[in-house]
Amino acid sequence: MIAQKLRKLVIQSSIIFVIFTFVLGILLLKNLKSAFDVQFKEFSLNVSKALEFQFSQKTKELQRTFDNLKSLFDRLPLSEEEYVFFKESLISNLKMLNIDFLAIYETSGLVQIHYLGEQHSTRAENLLNRLSLKQLTGKSHFFLDIPNLSFPIELFVLYPSPKILKLWEVETPSIILVGKYWTVTDFVKLEELTGASVSYSTNPGNSSLTKLVYSYPLTDQSNKNFGYLVFSKNFTLLTKYLVYVVILVILSIILLISILSIFYLQLKKLALAPFSDIIYAIDNHTPDTVEKYIYRDDEIGSLANAIKNYLHQREQINLYLKELETKNQSLRSLNEQIRQLLEKDVLTGLLTRYVFNSQIERLYVSSKADRIPLSAISIDADNFKKINDTFGHNVGDEVLKGIAEVILKNVRASDFPIRMGGEEILILLPEADIDAAHLIAERIRTKVEEKFKETPYKVTISLGVTQLKGNDTIESFLKRADEALYISKSNGKNRTTVLF
């Protein structure tokens, strides 16, 4: 039988091909894994050394600052005015070292905290209040564990002399804790130092075939691991092994071509001629062409019978497929109508909350990752309820349409003007800083006032403008826009307030 002869040939050829490919693949993967392990070990070691050097260097600089001041105090008697001068000098030096706050601990716990920069975290202060002198004793450097914080907070423990403590009017033995809020700049410096991409995560990263990933653990005052600095770098040896893969593929193709050539010669001898007639019958709808094969007692005979029956049924199937395509086209049209209803507000033509829910997180993440501005304008029609009550809901609808028309004419194509509900409107402005957003908001406000100047109901709007900041969440970003709007309402309406 044809099938038996071809099956035997296929099995023999497949065994040869599989063994050849398997052996070469195993050798390649073994060498690739070995090279990957070596480079990963070197990468992780370099990153660890760089981090340890940076942390220890900062600790030494801080300790040197306090030691120099101690030496000066030991040599010279100082007046109260000179103490004030040296305190200001010390704070200035700490700022130069990018220190954001200084806390003093006695046996009773935290007694003083001083903020040297603009950044201030209430959650961080609450955690600092929980630290004790006992926990800090013996420490030199650790991080503060604050859940859901975008960037870590780094802390350094210093053991000052009594004379230095006198700068803050502290008489009992104490420990000074200085800290800094990490920013994007710190990550950029780490990338320059290590030559790798750096991010902060609560979970360790995983290496892949194309990328080396090393996760440096961050520990708190109890040596408990709560997060990671994740370093990633391309696997540079991958190109070399891709060449090996190409060679393997070429050799496999050569072997496969040889196997297929032998198989083709046998197939041509046993089946191609009958198949040629069968294909002709299928293409030209001529069942009579395969009649001579119907009576063969092998696979060709069975196939010829099946083809003859198929040709008779094909016409009916084609009719069914045409009907099915018509129904599919109708369904696609209906789906498009539903999508448009979900995305666009029927009354105003503005976008809907559906678009807000689907886009806000993407815009937020894109702004954070690419470091591009994202601004928001919160809008509310002044005295809208009074207009509805006095002139009716039809006039109220016309007012909303008019406001929406002005907004759509004065925003950019990349902006997202969204009707959040009732007369509340939110405009998201990607790649627009707060000054650009303020200009757009003022243009919309004046255009709305001009549009309804001649109407009996004199429509105006109040607006609140803000821009996404580095430590913002989505909720705090939008809340600040609402707060700016509330200020506009409270200060007499028909105005724009900027909060940043």
Protein backbone atom coordinates (compact mmCIF):
# COMPACT_ATOMS: atom_id res chain seq x y z
CA MET A 1 0.00 0.00 0.00
CA ILE A 2 1.14 3.54 -0.70
CA ALA A 3 0.66 4.68 2.88
CA GLN A 4 2.77 1.88 4.33
CA LYS A 5 5.69 2.56 2.00
CA LEU A 6 5.59 6.29 2.60
CA ARG A 7 5.16 5.84 6.36
CA LYS A 8 8.28 3.68 6.59
CA LEU A 9 10.31 6.25 4.67
CA VAL A 10 9.01 9.12 6.80
CA ILE A 11 9.78 7.33 10.09
CA GLN A 12 13.35 6.53 9.07
CA SER A 13 14.00 10.06 7.82
CA SER A 14 12.39 11.68 10.86
CA ILE A 15 14.50 9.65 13.30
CA ILE A 16 17.69 10.76 11.57
CA PHE A 17 16.57 14.40 11.48
CA VAL A 18 15.43 14.49 15.12
CA ILE A 19 18.62 12.87 16.46
CA PHE A 20 20.82 15.24 14.47
CA THR A 21 18.90 18.36 15.53
CA PHE A 22 18.62 17.22 19.16
CA VAL A 23 22.35 16.60 19.59
CA LEU A 24 23.32 19.94 18.06
CA GLY A 25 20.63 21.75 20.07
CA ILE A 26 21.78 20.23 23.38
CA LEU A 27 25.38 21.25 22.73
CA LEU A 28 24.33 24.79 21.83
CA LEU A 29 22.05 25.21 24.87
CA LYS A 30 24.72 23.87 27.21
CA ASN A 31 27.28 26.39 25.97
CA LEU A 32 24.69 29.18 26.00
CA LYS A 33 23.72 28.47 29.63
CA SER A 34 27.35 28.37 30.70
CA ALA A 35 28.06 31.72 29.06
CA PHE A 36 24.88 33.20 30.52
CA ASP A 37 25.83 32.09 34.05
CA VAL A 38 29.33 33.56 33.75
CA GLN A 39 28.08 36.92 32.48
CA PHE A 40 25.28 37.06 35.06
CA LYS A 41 27.75 36.40 37.89
CA GLU A 42 30.05 39.13 36.60
CA PHE A 43 27.13 41.55 36.13
CA SER A 44 25.65 40.96 39.61
CA LEU A 45 29.10 41.24 41.23
CA ASN A 46 29.84 44.55 39.49
CA VAL A 47 26.44 45.97 40.45
CA SER A 48 26.81 44.87 44.09
CA LYS A 49 30.29 46.40 44.33
CA ALA A 50 29.10 49.66 42.74
CA LEU A 51 26.16 49.93 45.16
CA GLU A 52 28.20 49.04 48.23
CA PHE A 53 30.81 51.60 47.20
CA GLN A 54 28.18 54.29 46.69
CA PHE A 55 26.44 53.60 50.02
CA SER A 56 29.71 53.41 51.97
CA GLN A 57 31.03 56.55 50.24
CA LYS A 58 27.93 58.52 51.25
CA THR A 59 28.25 57.20 54.84
CA LYS A 60 31.92 58.23 54.94
CA GLU A 61 31.15 61.71 53.59
CA LEU A 62 28.47 62.24 56.24
CA GLN A 63 30.69 60.94 59.03
CA ARG A 64 33.57 63.11 57.79
CA THR A 65 31.33 66.18 57.90
CA PHE A 66 30.43 65.50 61.54
CA ASP A 67 34.03 64.55 62.46
CA ASN A 68 35.43 67.79 61.01
CA LEU A 69 32.90 69.79 62.98
CA LYS A 70 33.72 67.82 66.15
CA SER A 71 37.45 68.53 65.72
CA LEU A 72 36.71 72.22 65.36
CA PHE A 73 34.50 72.24 68.47
CA ASP A 74 37.20 70.39 70.47
CA ARG A 75 39.87 72.97 69.58
CA LEU A 76 37.94 76.20 69.97
CA PRO A 77 35.53 77.59 72.57
CA LEU A 78 32.47 78.90 70.72
CA SER A 79 29.86 81.53 71.49
CA GLU A 80 26.14 81.05 70.97
CA GLU A 81 26.31 83.06 67.73
CA GLU A 82 29.12 80.85 66.45
CA TYR A 83 27.07 77.73 67.31
CA VAL A 84 24.22 79.11 65.20
CA PHE A 85 26.64 79.82 62.35
CA PHE A 86 28.11 76.31 62.41
CA LYS A 87 24.63 74.76 62.64
CA GLU A 88 23.62 76.59 59.45
CA SER A 89 26.91 75.55 57.84
CA LEU A 90 26.27 71.89 58.79
CA ILE A 91 22.73 72.02 57.35
CA SER A 92 24.12 73.57 54.15
CA ASN A 93 26.66 70.72 53.85
CA LEU A 94 23.92 68.14 54.40
CA LYS A 95 21.86 69.72 51.63
CA MET A 96 24.87 69.52 49.32
CA LEU A 97 24.93 65.78 50.10
CA ASN A 98 21.24 65.62 49.01
CA ILE A 99 19.97 65.00 52.56
CA ASP A 100 16.24 65.84 52.87
CA PHE A 101 15.65 65.50 56.62
CA LEU A 102 17.46 65.07 59.97
CA ALA A 103 15.98 63.28 63.00
CA ILE A 104 17.36 63.08 66.56
CA TYR A 105 16.68 60.09 68.82
CA GLU A 106 17.10 59.85 72.57
CA THR A 107 16.33 56.92 74.85
CA SER A 108 12.66 57.94 74.81
CA GLY A 109 12.54 57.85 71.00
CA LEU A 110 12.28 60.56 68.32
CA VAL A 111 12.65 64.01 69.89
CA GLN A 112 13.29 66.26 66.88
CA ILE A 113 12.88 66.12 63.11
CA HIS A 114 14.04 68.83 60.71
CA TYR A 115 13.22 68.96 56.98
CA LEU A 116 16.03 70.37 54.87
CA GLY A 117 14.24 70.28 51.51
CA GLU A 118 10.74 70.64 50.07
CA GLN A 119 9.85 66.95 50.14
CA HIS A 120 7.83 65.78 53.13
CA SER A 121 6.03 62.46 53.63
CA THR A 122 3.55 62.09 56.50
CA ARG A 123 3.76 58.30 56.24
CA ALA A 124 7.55 58.50 56.48
CA GLU A 125 7.31 60.71 59.57
CA ASN A 126 4.90 58.24 61.21
CA LEU A 127 7.38 55.40 60.65
CA LEU A 128 10.27 57.51 61.95
CA ASN A 129 8.26 58.08 65.15
CA ARG A 130 8.11 54.32 65.68
CA LEU A 131 11.89 53.85 65.53
CA SER A 132 13.74 53.60 68.83
CA LEU A 133 17.28 54.29 69.95
CA LYS A 134 17.76 50.57 70.55
CA GLN A 135 16.80 49.71 66.97
CA LEU A 136 19.23 52.28 65.53
CA THR A 137 22.22 51.48 67.75
CA GLY A 138 24.89 49.65 65.77
CA LYS A 139 23.33 50.58 62.41
CA SER A 140 24.98 52.75 59.77
CA HIS A 141 22.73 52.53 56.71
CA PHE A 142 19.29 51.12 55.84
CA PHE A 143 16.08 51.97 53.98
CA LEU A 144 12.62 52.90 55.28
CA ASP A 145 9.81 50.50 54.34
CA ILE A 146 6.78 52.53 53.19
CA PRO A 147 4.24 50.41 51.24
CA ASN A 148 3.08 51.67 47.81
CA LEU A 149 5.78 54.39 47.66
CA SER A 150 7.14 55.02 44.15
CA PHE A 151 10.74 55.44 45.32
CA PRO A 152 12.65 54.26 48.43
CA ILE A 153 13.80 56.45 51.35
CA GLU A 154 17.48 55.99 52.31
CA LEU A 155 18.66 56.50 55.91
CA PHE A 156 22.12 56.96 57.47
CA VAL A 157 22.81 56.58 61.22
CA LEU A 158 25.37 58.92 62.81
CA TYR A 159 26.76 59.00 66.35
CA PRO A 160 27.59 62.67 67.10
CA SER A 161 29.54 64.13 69.99
CA PRO A 162 27.71 66.05 72.78
CA LYS A 163 28.99 69.37 71.40
CA ILE A 164 27.41 68.69 68.02
CA LEU A 165 24.16 67.67 69.73
CA LYS A 166 24.26 71.04 71.47
CA LEU A 167 23.54 72.63 68.07
CA TRP A 168 19.99 71.32 68.55
CA GLU A 169 19.95 71.95 72.32
CA VAL A 170 20.13 68.22 73.09
CA GLU A 171 21.98 67.38 76.32
CA THR A 172 21.60 63.58 76.63
CA PRO A 173 23.46 60.98 74.49
CA SER A 174 21.60 60.71 71.21
CA ILE A 175 21.75 59.35 67.68
CA ILE A 176 21.22 61.44 64.55
CA LEU A 177 19.37 59.86 61.63
CA VAL A 178 19.64 61.61 58.26
CA GLY A 179 17.66 60.57 55.22
CA LYS A 180 16.98 61.32 51.59
CA TYR A 181 14.00 60.67 49.34
CA TRP A 182 15.16 58.89 46.22
CA THR A 183 14.15 60.57 42.94
CA VAL A 184 14.46 59.83 39.25
CA THR A 185 17.86 61.56 39.35
CA ASP A 186 19.22 58.91 41.74
CA PHE A 187 18.14 56.16 39.34
CA VAL A 188 19.78 57.98 36.41
CA LYS A 189 23.05 58.18 38.37
CA LEU A 190 22.86 54.46 39.13
CA GLU A 191 22.31 53.74 35.44
CA GLU A 192 25.38 55.80 34.57
CA LEU A 193 27.39 54.05 37.31
CA THR A 194 26.42 50.48 36.39
CA GLY A 195 25.62 50.78 32.68
CA ALA A 196 22.28 49.06 33.29
CA SER A 197 18.62 50.07 33.43
CA VAL A 198 17.40 50.52 37.04
CA SER A 199 13.93 50.38 38.59
CA TYR A 200 12.40 49.96 42.06
CA SER A 201 10.09 47.03 42.76
CA THR A 202 8.68 45.08 45.69
CA ASN A 203 9.40 41.85 43.81
CA PRO A 204 12.71 40.60 42.37
CA GLY A 205 13.10 40.59 38.59
CA ASN A 206 13.83 37.50 36.51
CA SER A 207 16.48 37.09 33.85
CA SER A 208 15.47 35.99 30.36
CA LEU A 209 17.28 34.62 27.34
CA THR A 210 18.01 38.13 26.08
CA LYS A 211 18.38 40.07 29.32
CA LEU A 212 20.41 39.84 32.53
CA VAL A 213 18.43 40.92 35.58
CA TYR A 214 19.94 41.37 39.05
CA SER A 215 17.79 42.37 42.04
CA TYR A 216 19.61 44.15 44.88
CA PRO A 217 17.62 43.71 48.14
CA LEU A 218 16.71 46.76 50.24
CA THR A 219 16.48 46.13 54.00
CA ASP A 220 14.92 48.11 56.85
CA GLN A 221 16.15 48.75 60.41
CA SER A 222 15.39 45.11 61.33
CA ASN A 223 17.35 43.76 58.33
CA LYS A 224 14.01 42.73 56.82
CA ASN A 225 13.93 42.72 53.02
CA PHE A 226 11.00 44.80 51.67
CA GLY A 227 11.99 45.77 48.11
CA TYR A 228 14.57 45.58 45.35
CA LEU A 229 16.63 47.77 43.07
CA VAL A 230 16.23 45.85 39.81
CA PHE A 231 19.11 46.18 37.34
CA SER A 232 18.66 44.88 33.78
CA LYS A 233 21.15 44.62 30.94
CA ASN A 234 21.11 42.99 27.52
CA PHE A 235 22.84 39.60 27.26
CA THR A 236 25.75 40.63 25.00
CA LEU A 237 26.84 37.11 24.10
CA LEU A 238 23.46 36.31 22.61
CA THR A 239 24.59 37.54 19.16
CA LYS A 240 27.42 35.03 19.14
CA TYR A 241 25.07 32.20 19.90
CA LEU A 242 22.58 33.40 17.34
CA VAL A 243 25.30 32.71 14.77
CA TYR A 244 25.49 29.17 16.10
CA VAL A 245 21.71 28.91 15.82
CA VAL A 246 21.90 30.05 12.18
CA ILE A 247 24.54 27.39 11.49
CA LEU A 248 22.35 24.79 13.19
CA VAL A 249 19.36 25.87 11.13
CA ILE A 250 21.37 25.75 7.90
CA LEU A 251 22.65 22.24 8.64
CA SER A 252 19.15 21.14 9.60
CA ILE A 253 17.76 22.61 6.39
CA ILE A 254 20.38 20.79 4.31
CA LEU A 255 19.52 17.52 6.01
CA LEU A 256 15.81 18.19 5.66
CA ILE A 257 16.17 19.00 1.96
CA SER A 258 17.99 15.72 1.42
CA ILE A 259 15.26 13.81 3.24
CA LEU A 260 12.52 15.62 1.33
CA SER A 261 14.23 14.94 -2.01
CA ILE A 262 14.20 11.20 -1.35
CA PHE A 263 10.64 11.41 -0.13
CA TYR A 264 9.56 13.38 -3.22
CA LEU A 265 11.01 10.84 -5.62
CA GLN A 266 9.03 8.07 -3.93
CA LEU A 267 5.90 10.17 -3.70
CA LYS A 268 6.08 11.09 -7.39
CA LYS A 269 6.38 7.45 -8.31
CA LEU A 270 3.44 6.30 -6.19
CA ALA A 271 0.91 9.12 -6.02
CA LEU A 272 1.63 12.42 -7.81
CA ALA A 273 0.15 11.45 -11.17
CA PRO A 274 -3.22 10.39 -9.68
CA PHE A 275 -3.17 13.48 -7.45
CA SER A 276 -2.63 15.72 -10.50
CA ASP A 277 -5.82 14.38 -12.08
CA ILE A 278 -7.71 14.76 -8.80
CA ILE A 279 -6.56 18.40 -8.41
CA TYR A 280 -7.66 19.13 -11.97
CA ALA A 281 -11.07 17.70 -11.18
CA ILE A 282 -11.35 19.88 -8.06
CA ASP A 283 -10.21 23.09 -9.82
CA ASN A 284 -12.46 22.61 -12.84
CA HIS A 285 -15.43 20.94 -11.12
CA THR A 286 -15.20 17.85 -13.37
CA PRO A 287 -16.05 14.69 -11.36
CA ASP A 288 -15.62 12.55 -14.51
CA THR A 289 -11.83 13.12 -14.38
CA VAL A 290 -11.53 10.95 -11.26
CA GLU A 291 -13.91 8.20 -12.42
CA LYS A 292 -11.00 5.99 -13.55
CA TYR A 293 -9.57 5.95 -10.00
CA ILE A 294 -12.78 5.15 -8.15
CA TYR A 295 -12.36 1.39 -8.55
CA ARG A 296 -8.75 1.24 -7.27
CA ASP A 297 -8.39 -0.80 -4.07
CA ASP A 298 -6.02 1.61 -2.26
CA GLU A 299 -5.89 5.08 -0.79
CA ILE A 300 -6.12 6.74 -4.21
CA GLY A 301 -9.39 4.91 -4.88
CA SER A 302 -10.81 6.02 -1.53
CA LEU A 303 -9.67 9.59 -2.19
CA ALA A 304 -11.24 9.62 -5.66
CA ASN A 305 -14.59 8.55 -4.19
CA ALA A 306 -14.34 11.22 -1.51
CA ILE A 307 -13.48 13.92 -4.06
CA LYS A 308 -16.44 13.00 -6.23
CA ASN A 309 -18.79 13.35 -3.25
CA TYR A 310 -17.05 16.54 -2.23
CA LEU A 311 -17.60 18.20 -5.60
CA HIS A 312 -21.31 17.51 -5.36
CA GLN A 313 -21.46 19.08 -1.89
CA ARG A 314 -19.19 22.02 -2.65
CA GLU A 315 -21.84 24.12 -4.32
CA GLN A 316 -24.11 23.83 -1.29
CA ILE A 317 -21.24 24.81 1.03
CA ASN A 318 -20.45 27.90 -1.08
CA LEU A 319 -24.03 29.09 -0.78
CA TYR A 320 -23.89 28.64 3.00
CA LEU A 321 -20.58 30.55 3.24
CA LYS A 322 -21.99 33.53 1.35
CA GLU A 323 -24.93 33.70 3.75
CA LEU A 324 -22.56 33.44 6.74
CA GLU A 325 -20.36 36.28 5.43
CA THR A 326 -23.41 38.53 5.13
CA LYS A 327 -24.33 37.85 8.77
CA ASN A 328 -20.73 38.46 9.90
CA GLN A 329 -20.67 41.83 8.14
CA SER A 330 -23.86 42.86 9.93
CA LEU A 331 -22.37 41.77 13.27
CA ARG A 332 -19.18 43.80 12.67
CA SER A 333 -21.25 46.88 11.85
CA LEU A 334 -23.29 46.44 15.05
CA ASN A 335 -20.11 46.05 17.15
CA GLU A 336 -18.73 49.30 15.71
CA GLN A 337 -21.94 51.15 16.59
CA ILE A 338 -21.78 49.82 20.16
CA ARG A 339 -18.13 50.90 20.49
CA GLN A 340 -18.96 54.44 19.34
CA LEU A 341 -21.85 54.65 21.83
CA LEU A 342 -19.50 53.57 24.64
CA GLU A 343 -16.78 56.10 23.75
CA LYS A 344 -18.74 59.24 22.80
CA ASP A 345 -21.37 61.07 24.86
CA VAL A 346 -24.56 61.33 22.77
CA LEU A 347 -25.61 64.77 24.05
CA THR A 348 -22.32 66.70 23.97
CA GLY A 349 -20.05 64.78 21.62
CA LEU A 350 -17.41 64.63 24.37
CA LEU A 351 -15.71 61.41 25.41
CA THR A 352 -17.30 59.28 28.14
CA ARG A 353 -16.18 57.82 31.49
CA TYR A 354 -15.61 54.58 29.56
CA VAL A 355 -12.72 56.31 27.74
CA PHE A 356 -11.51 57.83 31.04
CA ASN A 357 -11.41 54.40 32.74
CA SER A 358 -9.57 52.85 29.78
CA GLN A 359 -7.03 55.68 29.26
CA ILE A 360 -6.16 57.29 32.62
CA GLU A 361 -3.81 54.54 33.84
CA ARG A 362 -2.06 54.37 30.44
CA LEU A 363 -1.51 58.15 30.40
CA TYR A 364 -0.31 58.09 34.03
CA VAL A 365 2.20 55.27 33.48
CA SER A 366 3.42 56.79 30.18
CA SER A 367 4.00 60.18 31.83
CA LYS A 368 5.95 58.58 34.70
CA ALA A 369 8.01 56.23 32.53
CA ASP A 370 8.85 58.66 29.69
CA ARG A 371 9.09 61.72 31.96
CA ILE A 372 6.70 63.76 29.85
CA PRO A 373 4.18 66.19 31.38
CA LEU A 374 0.54 65.30 31.92
CA SER A 375 -1.93 68.04 32.91
CA ALA A 376 -5.62 68.08 33.78
CA ILE A 377 -8.37 70.71 33.58
CA SER A 378 -11.46 70.20 35.76
CA ILE A 379 -14.49 72.20 34.50
CA ASP A 380 -17.90 72.88 36.01
CA ALA A 381 -20.70 75.11 34.68
CA ASP A 382 -21.53 77.94 37.09
CA ASN A 383 -25.10 78.07 38.42
CA PHE A 384 -26.11 75.19 36.16
CA LYS A 385 -28.83 73.94 38.52
CA LYS A 386 -30.36 77.42 38.58
CA ILE A 387 -30.41 77.52 34.76
CA ASN A 388 -32.11 74.11 34.69
CA ASP A 389 -34.68 75.13 37.29
CA THR A 390 -35.38 78.53 35.66
CA PHE A 391 -35.30 77.77 31.93
CA GLY A 392 -35.89 74.03 31.86
CA HIS A 393 -33.81 70.95 31.09
CA ASN A 394 -33.92 71.56 27.33
CA VAL A 395 -32.04 74.83 27.80
CA GLY A 396 -29.70 73.06 30.22
CA ASP A 397 -28.92 70.50 27.50
CA GLU A 398 -28.25 73.30 25.00
CA VAL A 399 -25.87 74.93 27.50
CA LEU A 400 -23.93 71.67 27.87
CA LYS A 401 -23.79 71.29 24.08
CA GLY A 402 -22.50 74.86 23.72
CA ILE A 403 -19.81 74.39 26.36
CA ALA A 404 -18.76 71.09 24.75
CA GLU A 405 -18.61 72.75 21.32
CA VAL A 406 -16.23 75.43 22.65
CA ILE A 407 -14.06 72.78 24.36
CA LEU A 408 -13.81 70.60 21.24
CA LYS A 409 -12.74 73.62 19.15
CA ASN A 410 -10.05 74.74 21.59
CA VAL A 411 -8.31 71.50 22.65
CA ARG A 412 -5.61 69.68 20.74
CA ALA A 413 -6.18 66.50 18.76
CA SER A 414 -4.15 64.57 21.35
CA ASP A 415 -6.24 65.78 24.32
CA PHE A 416 -9.05 63.83 26.03
CA PRO A 417 -12.14 66.02 26.76
CA ILE A 418 -14.37 63.80 28.94
CA ARG A 419 -17.86 64.32 30.33
CA MET A 420 -17.58 62.79 33.79
CA GLY A 421 -21.26 63.25 34.66
CA GLY A 422 -23.86 66.03 34.67
CA GLU A 423 -22.08 69.33 33.97
CA GLU A 424 -18.71 68.04 35.25
CA ILE A 425 -16.04 67.88 32.53
CA LEU A 426 -12.41 66.73 32.75
CA ILE A 427 -9.74 67.37 30.09
CA LEU A 428 -6.58 65.23 30.17
CA LEU A 429 -3.68 66.88 28.31
CA PRO A 430 -0.71 64.58 27.58
CA GLU A 431 2.59 66.32 26.73
CA ALA A 432 1.27 69.65 28.07
CA ASP A 433 2.86 71.34 31.08
CA ILE A 434 0.87 73.45 33.52
CA ASP A 435 1.51 76.70 31.59
CA ALA A 436 0.18 75.24 28.34
CA ALA A 437 -2.82 73.77 30.19
CA HIS A 438 -3.52 77.15 31.81
CA LEU A 439 -3.54 78.89 28.40
CA ILE A 440 -6.00 76.32 27.03
CA ALA A 441 -8.21 76.62 30.13
CA GLU A 442 -8.34 80.42 29.93
CA ARG A 443 -9.11 80.29 26.21
CA ILE A 444 -12.02 77.91 26.87
CA ARG A 445 -13.32 80.06 29.74
CA THR A 446 -13.36 83.29 27.71
CA LYS A 447 -14.85 81.59 24.63
CA VAL A 448 -17.69 80.13 26.73
CA GLU A 449 -18.40 83.53 28.27
CA GLU A 450 -18.46 85.16 24.80
CA LYS A 451 -20.69 82.43 23.33
CA PHE A 452 -23.47 82.94 25.90
CA LYS A 453 -23.02 86.72 26.36
CA GLU A 454 -26.19 87.59 24.43
CA THR A 455 -28.37 84.86 26.01
CA PRO A 456 -30.70 85.58 28.94
CA TYR A 457 -28.96 83.01 31.15
CA LYS A 458 -25.33 84.29 30.84
CA VAL A 459 -23.39 81.01 31.13
CA THR A 460 -19.90 80.99 32.66
CA ILE A 461 -17.61 78.18 33.81
CA SER A 462 -15.10 77.65 36.60
CA LEU A 463 -11.88 75.73 35.97
CA GLY A 464 -9.13 74.05 37.97
CA VAL A 465 -5.73 73.28 36.40
CA THR A 466 -2.93 71.03 37.66
CA GLN A 467 0.02 68.96 36.43
CA LEU A 468 1.11 65.45 37.44
CA LYS A 469 3.99 65.56 39.95
CA GLY A 470 6.66 62.96 40.63
CA ASN A 471 5.10 61.58 43.81
CA ASP A 472 1.48 61.75 42.58
CA THR A 473 -0.92 58.85 42.38
CA ILE A 474 -3.81 58.98 39.92
CA GLU A 475 -6.14 59.81 42.81
CA SER A 476 -4.01 62.67 44.21
CA PHE A 477 -3.50 64.10 40.71
CA LEU A 478 -7.25 64.24 39.96
CA LYS A 479 -8.09 65.37 43.50
CA ARG A 480 -5.79 68.38 43.10
CA ALA A 481 -7.58 69.37 39.89
CA ASP A 482 -10.92 69.19 41.76
CA GLU A 483 -9.46 71.26 44.61
CA ALA A 484 -8.37 73.93 42.12
CA LEU A 485 -11.90 73.94 40.67
CA TYR A 486 -13.36 74.29 44.17
CA ILE A 487 -11.14 77.32 44.79
CA SER A 488 -12.40 78.91 41.56
CA LYS A 489 -15.99 78.30 42.71
CA SER A 490 -15.28 79.70 46.18
CA ASN A 491 -13.57 82.84 44.83
CA GLY A 492 -16.50 84.06 42.77
CA LYS A 493 -16.73 81.60 39.84
CA ASN A 494 -15.94 82.35 36.15
CA ARG A 495 -12.20 81.99 36.78
CA THR A 496 -9.30 79.57 36.43
CA THR A 497 -7.24 78.38 39.41
CA VAL A 498 -3.84 76.67 39.04
CA LEU A 499 -2.55 74.26 41.70
CA PHE A 500 0.85 72.58 41.37
